Amino acid sequence: MTAKHDMKKLVEEIYAVRDRGDVEATLALIGDDCTFRMAGNTRLSPFSTELGGHDFRQVIAQLITVWDLSNINTTRIYVDEDENMVFAHREGEVRHIPSGVSFYTEFVDKIHFSDGKPVKIVEFVDTLQVAETSQIIQIA
């Protein structure tokens, strides 16, 4: 198997367990040396701040327990072997579990790899919709 195939397969496995809401399986597949941030304004902190270690684990666990992605589909996964990077385009209905609010959306994950494991995840989402739905900010 090629590195390209391995990266794509691991991303598909991560999404499968994440979409089922399995925090521990998701974290086990990602590993301990990864960072995460949502691309966006610092008002979305801690999500928009690059986090690793224990903070990374907490943010991923919070995202999985608060956002139901069971109706999200992976539209396409692009693998750049030269840069050891994956771009994954996903779309579908997302549900904010605490409020029960659901909406259709699209987003892209940029996942950097080293030695076959994710080391950095940057998520490009509609940050205004996330912030309003989760009441991080309120628009009058």
C-alpha atoms as a PDB file:
ATOM      1  CA  MET A   1       0.000   0.000   0.000  1.00  0.00           C
ATOM      2  CA  THR A   2       1.085   3.546  -0.660  1.00  0.00           C
ATOM      3  CA  ALA A   3       1.332   6.368   1.832  1.00  0.00           C
ATOM      4  CA  LYS A   4      -1.493   8.013  -0.120  1.00  0.00           C
ATOM      5  CA  HIS A   5      -3.758   5.013   0.404  1.00  0.00           C
ATOM      6  CA  ASP A   6      -2.788   4.717   4.087  1.00  0.00           C
ATOM      7  CA  MET A   7      -3.521   8.398   4.821  1.00  0.00           C
ATOM      8  CA  LYS A   8      -6.880   8.231   3.058  1.00  0.00           C
ATOM      9  CA  LYS A   9      -7.848   5.003   4.834  1.00  0.00           C
ATOM     10  CA  LEU A  10      -6.933   6.409   8.264  1.00  0.00           C
ATOM     11  CA  VAL A  11      -8.960   9.581   7.639  1.00  0.00           C
ATOM     12  CA  GLU A  12     -11.958   7.461   6.603  1.00  0.00           C
ATOM     13  CA  GLU A  13     -11.593   5.382   9.783  1.00  0.00           C
ATOM     14  CA  ILE A  14     -11.338   8.506  11.960  1.00  0.00           C
ATOM     15  CA  TYR A  15     -14.498   9.944  10.406  1.00  0.00           C
ATOM     16  CA  ALA A  16     -16.387   6.657  10.810  1.00  0.00           C
ATOM     17  CA  VAL A  17     -15.772   6.479  14.570  1.00  0.00           C
ATOM     18  CA  ARG A  18     -16.150  10.243  15.060  1.00  0.00           C
ATOM     19  CA  ASP A  19     -19.484  10.245  13.249  1.00  0.00           C
ATOM     20  CA  ARG A  20     -20.701   7.477  15.594  1.00  0.00           C
ATOM     21  CA  GLY A  21     -19.799   9.709  18.549  1.00  0.00           C
ATOM     22  CA  ASP A  22     -16.996   7.463  19.828  1.00  0.00           C
ATOM     23  CA  VAL A  23     -14.611   9.846  21.592  1.00  0.00           C
ATOM     24  CA  GLU A  24     -12.019   7.297  22.742  1.00  0.00           C
ATOM     25  CA  ALA A  25     -11.800   5.467  19.397  1.00  0.00           C
ATOM     26  CA  THR A  26     -11.418   8.796  17.598  1.00  0.00           C
ATOM     27  CA  LEU A  27      -8.625   9.914  19.906  1.00  0.00           C
ATOM     28  CA  ALA A  28      -6.906   6.513  19.653  1.00  0.00           C
ATOM     29  CA  LEU A  29      -6.838   6.700  15.853  1.00  0.00           C
ATOM     30  CA  ILE A  30      -5.578  10.285  15.842  1.00  0.00           C
ATOM     31  CA  GLY A  31      -2.872   9.676  18.441  1.00  0.00           C
ATOM     32  CA  ASP A  32      -1.294  11.816  21.126  1.00  0.00           C
ATOM     33  CA  ASP A  33       0.897  14.127  19.057  1.00  0.00           C
ATOM     34  CA  CYS A  34      -1.766  16.017  17.118  1.00  0.00           C
ATOM     35  CA  THR A  35      -2.992  19.594  17.326  1.00  0.00           C
ATOM     36  CA  PHE A  36      -6.366  21.018  16.321  1.00  0.00           C
ATOM     37  CA  ARG A  37      -7.871  24.387  15.539  1.00  0.00           C
ATOM     38  CA  MET A  38     -10.818  25.805  13.660  1.00  0.00           C
ATOM     39  CA  ALA A  39      -9.821  28.509  11.241  1.00  0.00           C
ATOM     40  CA  GLY A  40     -11.539  31.599  12.575  1.00  0.00           C
ATOM     41  CA  ASN A  41     -11.634  34.570  14.846  1.00  0.00           C
ATOM     42  CA  THR A  42     -10.072  34.297  18.299  1.00  0.00           C
ATOM     43  CA  ARG A  43     -13.532  34.951  19.776  1.00  0.00           C
ATOM     44  CA  LEU A  44     -14.152  31.258  19.053  1.00  0.00           C
ATOM     45  CA  SER A  45     -11.388  30.303  21.459  1.00  0.00           C
ATOM     46  CA  PRO A  46     -10.530  27.628  22.472  1.00  0.00           C
ATOM     47  CA  PHE A  47     -11.602  26.135  19.131  1.00  0.00           C
ATOM     48  CA  SER A  48      -9.785  28.748  17.031  1.00  0.00           C
ATOM     49  CA  THR A  49      -6.562  28.383  19.030  1.00  0.00           C
ATOM     50  CA  GLU A  50      -4.170  25.610  18.054  1.00  0.00           C
ATOM     51  CA  LEU A  51      -4.270  23.105  20.894  1.00  0.00           C
ATOM     52  CA  GLY A  52      -2.261  19.972  21.602  1.00  0.00           C
ATOM     53  CA  GLY A  53      -1.846  17.423  24.373  1.00  0.00           C
ATOM     54  CA  HIS A  54      -4.493  17.362  27.103  1.00  0.00           C
ATOM     55  CA  ASP A  55      -6.230  20.482  25.695  1.00  0.00           C
ATOM     56  CA  PHE A  56      -6.452  18.788  22.286  1.00  0.00           C
ATOM     57  CA  ARG A  57      -8.115  15.741  23.862  1.00  0.00           C
ATOM     58  CA  GLN A  58     -10.608  17.949  25.734  1.00  0.00           C
ATOM     59  CA  VAL A  59     -11.581  19.966  22.650  1.00  0.00           C
ATOM     60  CA  ILE A  60     -12.023  16.865  20.484  1.00  0.00           C
ATOM     61  CA  ALA A  61     -14.116  15.202  23.209  1.00  0.00           C
ATOM     62  CA  GLN A  62     -16.246  18.338  23.554  1.00  0.00           C
ATOM     63  CA  LEU A  63     -16.793  18.627  19.794  1.00  0.00           C
ATOM     64  CA  ILE A  64     -17.832  14.979  19.546  1.00  0.00           C
ATOM     65  CA  THR A  65     -20.232  15.121  22.495  1.00  0.00           C
ATOM     66  CA  VAL A  66     -21.818  18.432  21.430  1.00  0.00           C
ATOM     67  CA  TRP A  67     -22.011  18.082  17.623  1.00  0.00           C
ATOM     68  CA  ASP A  68     -23.774  15.112  16.018  1.00  0.00           C
ATOM     69  CA  LEU A  69     -22.205  14.421  12.616  1.00  0.00           C
ATOM     70  CA  SER A  70     -23.986  11.116  11.984  1.00  0.00           C
ATOM     71  CA  ASN A  71     -25.688  12.609   8.889  1.00  0.00           C
ATOM     72  CA  ILE A  72     -22.490  14.019   7.396  1.00  0.00           C
ATOM     73  CA  ASN A  73     -20.991  12.453   4.282  1.00  0.00           C
ATOM     74  CA  THR A  74     -17.410  12.655   3.127  1.00  0.00           C
ATOM     75  CA  THR A  75     -17.766  14.021  -0.384  1.00  0.00           C
ATOM     76  CA  ARG A  76     -14.131  13.765  -1.376  1.00  0.00           C
ATOM     77  CA  ILE A  77     -10.719  13.139   0.148  1.00  0.00           C
ATOM     78  CA  TYR A  78      -7.713  14.659  -1.614  1.00  0.00           C
ATOM     79  CA  VAL A  79      -4.288  13.350  -0.613  1.00  0.00           C
ATOM     80  CA  ASP A  80      -1.092  15.304  -1.301  1.00  0.00           C
ATOM     81  CA  GLU A  81       1.699  12.760  -0.815  1.00  0.00           C
ATOM     82  CA  ASP A  82       4.428  15.347  -1.430  1.00  0.00           C
ATOM     83  CA  GLU A  83       3.208  17.459   1.496  1.00  0.00           C
ATOM     84  CA  ASN A  84       1.890  14.553   3.630  1.00  0.00           C
ATOM     85  CA  MET A  85      -1.451  16.296   3.799  1.00  0.00           C
ATOM     86  CA  VAL A  86      -5.106  15.366   3.348  1.00  0.00           C
ATOM     87  CA  PHE A  87      -7.968  17.682   2.436  1.00  0.00           C
ATOM     88  CA  ALA A  88     -11.379  16.211   3.190  1.00  0.00           C
ATOM     89  CA  HIS A  89     -14.582  17.849   1.965  1.00  0.00           C
ATOM     90  CA  ARG A  90     -17.616  16.886   4.056  1.00  0.00           C
ATOM     91  CA  GLU A  91     -21.256  17.917   3.890  1.00  0.00           C
ATOM     92  CA  GLY A  92     -24.660  17.122   5.301  1.00  0.00           C
ATOM     93  CA  GLU A  93     -26.859  17.805   8.295  1.00  0.00           C
ATOM     94  CA  VAL A  94     -25.185  18.695  11.582  1.00  0.00           C
ATOM     95  CA  ARG A  95     -27.060  18.697  14.891  1.00  0.00           C
ATOM     96  CA  HIS A  96     -26.051  20.726  17.927  1.00  0.00           C
ATOM     97  CA  ILE A  97     -26.999  18.218  20.617  1.00  0.00           C
ATOM     98  CA  PRO A  98     -27.628  20.583  23.580  1.00  0.00           C
ATOM     99  CA  SER A  99     -30.004  22.852  21.646  1.00  0.00           C
ATOM    100  CA  GLY A 100     -31.378  20.318  19.179  1.00  0.00           C
ATOM    101  CA  VAL A 101     -30.700  22.772  16.328  1.00  0.00           C
ATOM    102  CA  SER A 102     -29.903  21.087  12.999  1.00  0.00           C
ATOM    103  CA  PHE A 103     -28.636  22.650   9.796  1.00  0.00           C
ATOM    104  CA  TYR A 104     -27.091  21.692   6.476  1.00  0.00           C
ATOM    105  CA  THR A 105     -23.459  22.661   6.064  1.00  0.00           C
ATOM    106  CA  GLU A 106     -20.214  21.929   4.265  1.00  0.00           C
ATOM    107  CA  PHE A 107     -16.712  22.002   5.700  1.00  0.00           C
ATOM    108  CA  VAL A 108     -13.134  21.048   4.908  1.00  0.00           C
ATOM    109  CA  ASP A 109     -10.522  19.469   7.134  1.00  0.00           C
ATOM    110  CA  LYS A 110      -6.824  19.925   6.349  1.00  0.00           C
ATOM    111  CA  ILE A 111      -4.888  17.153   8.061  1.00  0.00           C
ATOM    112  CA  HIS A 112      -1.085  17.131   8.170  1.00  0.00           C
ATOM    113  CA  PHE A 113       0.657  13.764   8.648  1.00  0.00           C
ATOM    114  CA  SER A 114       4.037  12.675   9.964  1.00  0.00           C
ATOM    115  CA  ASP A 115       5.160   9.051  10.200  1.00  0.00           C
ATOM    116  CA  GLY A 116       1.688   7.889   9.175  1.00  0.00           C
ATOM    117  CA  LYS A 117      -0.205   9.734  11.936  1.00  0.00           C
ATOM    118  CA  PRO A 118      -2.090  13.043  11.974  1.00  0.00           C
ATOM    119  CA  VAL A 119      -0.030  15.810  13.597  1.00  0.00           C
ATOM    120  CA  LYS A 120      -2.142  18.875  12.810  1.00  0.00           C
ATOM    121  CA  ILE A 121      -5.828  19.303  11.959  1.00  0.00           C
ATOM    122  CA  VAL A 122      -7.219  22.610  10.743  1.00  0.00           C
ATOM    123  CA  GLU A 123     -10.981  22.684  10.231  1.00  0.00           C
ATOM    124  CA  PHE A 124     -12.617  25.210   7.901  1.00  0.00           C
ATOM    125  CA  VAL A 125     -16.277  25.592   8.895  1.00  0.00           C
ATOM    126  CA  ASP A 126     -18.958  28.267   8.907  1.00  0.00           C
ATOM    127  CA  THR A 127     -17.653  29.707  12.161  1.00  0.00           C
ATOM    128  CA  LEU A 128     -20.486  32.223  12.499  1.00  0.00           C
ATOM    129  CA  GLN A 129     -23.057  29.432  12.361  1.00  0.00           C
ATOM    130  CA  VAL A 130     -21.084  27.380  14.899  1.00  0.00           C
ATOM    131  CA  ALA A 131     -20.697  30.379  17.208  1.00  0.00           C
ATOM    132  CA  GLU A 132     -24.374  31.358  17.045  1.00  0.00           C
ATOM    133  CA  THR A 133     -25.704  27.814  17.412  1.00  0.00           C
ATOM    134  CA  SER A 134     -23.470  27.054  20.394  1.00  0.00           C
ATOM    135  CA  GLN A 135     -24.143  30.554  21.806  1.00  0.00           C
ATOM    136  CA  ILE A 136     -20.456  31.449  21.950  1.00  0.00           C
ATOM    137  CA  ILE A 137     -21.573  34.759  20.457  1.00  0.00           C
ATOM    138  CA  GLN A 138     -24.988  36.274  19.926  1.00  0.00           C
ATOM    139  CA  ILE A 139     -25.930  38.438  16.974  1.00  0.00           C
ATOM    140  CA  ALA A 140     -28.626  40.979  17.746  1.00  0.00           C
END
